[in-house]
Amino acid sequence: VIEVATSCGTSLPCLPYGHYYFVSQSDIDNFQEVFPNCTELEGDVTINSGGISVDKIYNLDGLSMVTSIEGSLGLWDNSEL
Protein backbone atom coordinates (compact mmCIF):
# COMPACT_ATOMS: atom_id res chain seq x y z
CA VAL A 1 0.00 0.00 0.00
CA ILE A 2 2.78 2.44 0.91
CA GLU A 3 4.70 1.79 -2.31
CA VAL A 4 1.60 2.28 -4.48
CA ALA A 5 0.53 5.49 -2.72
CA THR A 6 4.06 6.90 -2.95
CA SER A 7 4.24 6.06 -6.66
CA CYS A 8 0.89 7.80 -7.24
CA GLY A 9 1.89 10.85 -5.19
CA THR A 10 -1.08 10.59 -2.83
CA SER A 11 -1.75 10.19 0.88
CA LEU A 12 -4.20 7.87 2.60
CA PRO A 13 -6.11 7.70 5.89
CA CYS A 14 -5.19 4.96 8.35
CA LEU A 15 -6.21 1.55 7.16
CA PRO A 16 -9.28 0.50 9.20
CA TYR A 17 -8.32 -2.82 10.73
CA GLY A 18 -5.72 -3.09 8.01
CA HIS A 19 -2.39 -4.74 8.29
CA TYR A 20 0.78 -2.77 7.71
CA TYR A 21 3.75 -4.50 6.08
CA PHE A 22 7.16 -2.84 6.02
CA VAL A 23 9.77 -4.60 3.93
CA SER A 24 12.23 -1.77 3.23
CA GLN A 25 13.64 1.38 4.79
CA SER A 26 11.78 3.44 2.20
CA ASP A 27 8.48 1.92 3.43
CA ILE A 28 9.32 3.15 6.94
CA ASP A 29 10.59 6.54 5.75
CA ASN A 30 7.51 7.21 3.58
CA PHE A 31 4.92 6.18 6.18
CA GLN A 32 4.31 9.70 7.53
CA GLU A 33 3.93 11.09 4.02
CA VAL A 34 1.53 8.36 2.89
CA PHE A 35 -0.47 8.23 6.16
CA PRO A 36 -0.02 11.79 7.53
CA ASN A 37 -2.65 11.62 10.28
CA CYS A 38 -2.21 8.00 11.22
CA THR A 39 -1.01 7.69 14.81
CA GLU A 40 -3.12 4.77 16.07
CA LEU A 41 -2.87 1.59 14.02
CA GLU A 42 -5.83 -0.77 14.41
CA GLY A 43 -4.35 -3.78 12.62
CA ASP A 44 -1.17 -5.81 12.82
CA VAL A 45 2.25 -4.40 11.95
CA THR A 46 4.90 -6.58 10.34
CA ILE A 47 8.47 -5.32 9.87
CA ASN A 48 10.54 -7.77 7.83
CA SER A 49 13.40 -6.71 5.60
CA GLY A 50 14.69 -10.23 5.07
CA GLY A 51 14.35 -12.07 1.82
CA ILE A 52 14.80 -10.25 -1.48
CA SER A 53 14.78 -6.67 -0.14
CA VAL A 54 17.98 -4.75 -0.92
CA ASP A 55 16.74 -1.70 1.00
CA LYS A 56 17.31 -3.13 4.50
CA ILE A 57 15.54 -1.52 7.45
CA TYR A 58 18.09 0.15 9.75
CA ASN A 59 15.85 2.50 11.81
CA LEU A 60 12.20 3.06 12.65
CA ASP A 61 12.29 6.88 12.77
CA GLY A 62 9.55 7.15 10.13
CA LEU A 63 7.12 5.53 12.58
CA SER A 64 7.85 7.98 15.40
CA MET A 65 4.35 9.48 15.31
CA VAL A 66 2.66 6.10 15.93
CA THR A 67 1.33 6.10 19.50
CA SER A 68 -0.44 2.74 19.57
CA ILE A 69 -0.85 -0.56 17.74
CA GLU A 70 -4.04 -2.43 18.60
CA GLY A 71 -2.97 -5.58 16.77
CA SER A 72 0.28 -7.47 17.00
CA LEU A 73 3.76 -6.20 16.20
CA GLY A 74 6.10 -8.60 14.43
CA LEU A 75 9.80 -7.97 13.77
CA TRP A 76 11.62 -10.53 11.63
CA ASP A 77 14.92 -10.68 9.74
CA ASN A 78 15.97 -7.12 10.55
CA SER A 79 19.65 -7.62 11.34
CA GLU A 80 20.42 -3.98 10.52
CA LEU A 81 18.22 -2.79 13.40
C-alpha atoms as a PDB file:
ATOM      1  CA  VAL A   1       0.000   0.000   0.000  1.00  0.00           C
ATOM      2  CA  ILE A   2       2.783   2.437   0.905  1.00  0.00           C
ATOM      3  CA  GLU A   3       4.701   1.793  -2.310  1.00  0.00           C
ATOM      4  CA  VAL A   4       1.600   2.280  -4.481  1.00  0.00           C
ATOM      5  CA  ALA A   5       0.527   5.490  -2.718  1.00  0.00           C
ATOM      6  CA  THR A   6       4.059   6.904  -2.946  1.00  0.00           C
ATOM      7  CA  SER A   7       4.240   6.063  -6.659  1.00  0.00           C
ATOM      8  CA  CYS A   8       0.893   7.797  -7.238  1.00  0.00           C
ATOM      9  CA  GLY A   9       1.894  10.854  -5.190  1.00  0.00           C
ATOM     10  CA  THR A  10      -1.077  10.590  -2.833  1.00  0.00           C
ATOM     11  CA  SER A  11      -1.746  10.190   0.879  1.00  0.00           C
ATOM     12  CA  LEU A  12      -4.203   7.874   2.600  1.00  0.00           C
ATOM     13  CA  PRO A  13      -6.108   7.701   5.886  1.00  0.00           C
ATOM     14  CA  CYS A  14      -5.190   4.964   8.350  1.00  0.00           C
ATOM     15  CA  LEU A  15      -6.207   1.546   7.165  1.00  0.00           C
ATOM     16  CA  PRO A  16      -9.279   0.503   9.196  1.00  0.00           C
ATOM     17  CA  TYR A  17      -8.325  -2.822  10.734  1.00  0.00           C
ATOM     18  CA  GLY A  18      -5.723  -3.092   8.007  1.00  0.00           C
ATOM     19  CA  HIS A  19      -2.393  -4.738   8.292  1.00  0.00           C
ATOM     20  CA  TYR A  20       0.782  -2.769   7.708  1.00  0.00           C
ATOM     21  CA  TYR A  21       3.752  -4.504   6.076  1.00  0.00           C
ATOM     22  CA  PHE A  22       7.157  -2.838   6.023  1.00  0.00           C
ATOM     23  CA  VAL A  23       9.772  -4.605   3.931  1.00  0.00           C
ATOM     24  CA  SER A  24      12.228  -1.775   3.228  1.00  0.00           C
ATOM     25  CA  GLN A  25      13.639   1.376   4.793  1.00  0.00           C
ATOM     26  CA  SER A  26      11.780   3.444   2.203  1.00  0.00           C
ATOM     27  CA  ASP A  27       8.476   1.918   3.431  1.00  0.00           C
ATOM     28  CA  ILE A  28       9.323   3.146   6.936  1.00  0.00           C
ATOM     29  CA  ASP A  29      10.593   6.536   5.746  1.00  0.00           C
ATOM     30  CA  ASN A  30       7.510   7.208   3.582  1.00  0.00           C
ATOM     31  CA  PHE A  31       4.918   6.178   6.177  1.00  0.00           C
ATOM     32  CA  GLN A  32       4.311   9.699   7.535  1.00  0.00           C
ATOM     33  CA  GLU A  33       3.927  11.086   4.025  1.00  0.00           C
ATOM     34  CA  VAL A  34       1.528   8.359   2.887  1.00  0.00           C
ATOM     35  CA  PHE A  35      -0.473   8.229   6.159  1.00  0.00           C
ATOM     36  CA  PRO A  36      -0.017  11.792   7.526  1.00  0.00           C
ATOM     37  CA  ASN A  37      -2.647  11.622  10.283  1.00  0.00           C
ATOM     38  CA  CYS A  38      -2.206   7.997  11.216  1.00  0.00           C
ATOM     39  CA  THR A  39      -1.012   7.691  14.806  1.00  0.00           C
ATOM     40  CA  GLU A  40      -3.116   4.773  16.068  1.00  0.00           C
ATOM     41  CA  LEU A  41      -2.867   1.585  14.020  1.00  0.00           C
ATOM     42  CA  GLU A  42      -5.827  -0.770  14.407  1.00  0.00           C
ATOM     43  CA  GLY A  43      -4.348  -3.778  12.623  1.00  0.00           C
ATOM     44  CA  ASP A  44      -1.169  -5.805  12.817  1.00  0.00           C
ATOM     45  CA  VAL A  45       2.245  -4.397  11.954  1.00  0.00           C
ATOM     46  CA  THR A  46       4.902  -6.578  10.337  1.00  0.00           C
ATOM     47  CA  ILE A  47       8.467  -5.322   9.873  1.00  0.00           C
ATOM     48  CA  ASN A  48      10.537  -7.769   7.832  1.00  0.00           C
ATOM     49  CA  SER A  49      13.396  -6.705   5.605  1.00  0.00           C
ATOM     50  CA  GLY A  50      14.688 -10.230   5.066  1.00  0.00           C
ATOM     51  CA  GLY A  51      14.351 -12.074   1.819  1.00  0.00           C
ATOM     52  CA  ILE A  52      14.801 -10.252  -1.482  1.00  0.00           C
ATOM     53  CA  SER A  53      14.782  -6.669  -0.144  1.00  0.00           C
ATOM     54  CA  VAL A  54      17.980  -4.754  -0.923  1.00  0.00           C
ATOM     55  CA  ASP A  55      16.738  -1.696   1.004  1.00  0.00           C
ATOM     56  CA  LYS A  56      17.308  -3.134   4.504  1.00  0.00           C
ATOM     57  CA  ILE A  57      15.541  -1.516   7.453  1.00  0.00           C
ATOM     58  CA  TYR A  58      18.085   0.148   9.747  1.00  0.00           C
ATOM     59  CA  ASN A  59      15.855   2.497  11.812  1.00  0.00           C
ATOM     60  CA  LEU A  60      12.205   3.062  12.650  1.00  0.00           C
ATOM     61  CA  ASP A  61      12.288   6.878  12.766  1.00  0.00           C
ATOM     62  CA  GLY A  62       9.545   7.155  10.132  1.00  0.00           C
ATOM     63  CA  LEU A  63       7.120   5.534  12.578  1.00  0.00           C
ATOM     64  CA  SER A  64       7.848   7.980  15.404  1.00  0.00           C
ATOM     65  CA  MET A  65       4.345   9.475  15.313  1.00  0.00           C
ATOM     66  CA  VAL A  66       2.660   6.103  15.927  1.00  0.00           C
ATOM     67  CA  THR A  67       1.334   6.098  19.496  1.00  0.00           C
ATOM     68  CA  SER A  68      -0.437   2.737  19.574  1.00  0.00           C
ATOM     69  CA  ILE A  69      -0.846  -0.557  17.745  1.00  0.00           C
ATOM     70  CA  GLU A  70      -4.042  -2.428  18.597  1.00  0.00           C
ATOM     71  CA  GLY A  71      -2.973  -5.581  16.767  1.00  0.00           C
ATOM     72  CA  SER A  72       0.283  -7.472  17.000  1.00  0.00           C
ATOM     73  CA  LEU A  73       3.764  -6.196  16.198  1.00  0.00           C
ATOM     74  CA  GLY A  74       6.099  -8.599  14.427  1.00  0.00           C
ATOM     75  CA  LEU A  75       9.803  -7.970  13.775  1.00  0.00           C
ATOM     76  CA  TRP A  76      11.621 -10.534  11.627  1.00  0.00           C
ATOM     77  CA  ASP A  77      14.917 -10.683   9.743  1.00  0.00           C
ATOM     78  CA  ASN A  78      15.974  -7.121  10.554  1.00  0.00           C
ATOM     79  CA  SER A  79      19.652  -7.625  11.344  1.00  0.00           C
ATOM     80  CA  GLU A  80      20.425  -3.977  10.524  1.00  0.00           C
ATOM     81  CA  LEU A  81      18.221  -2.787  13.401  1.00  0.00           C
END
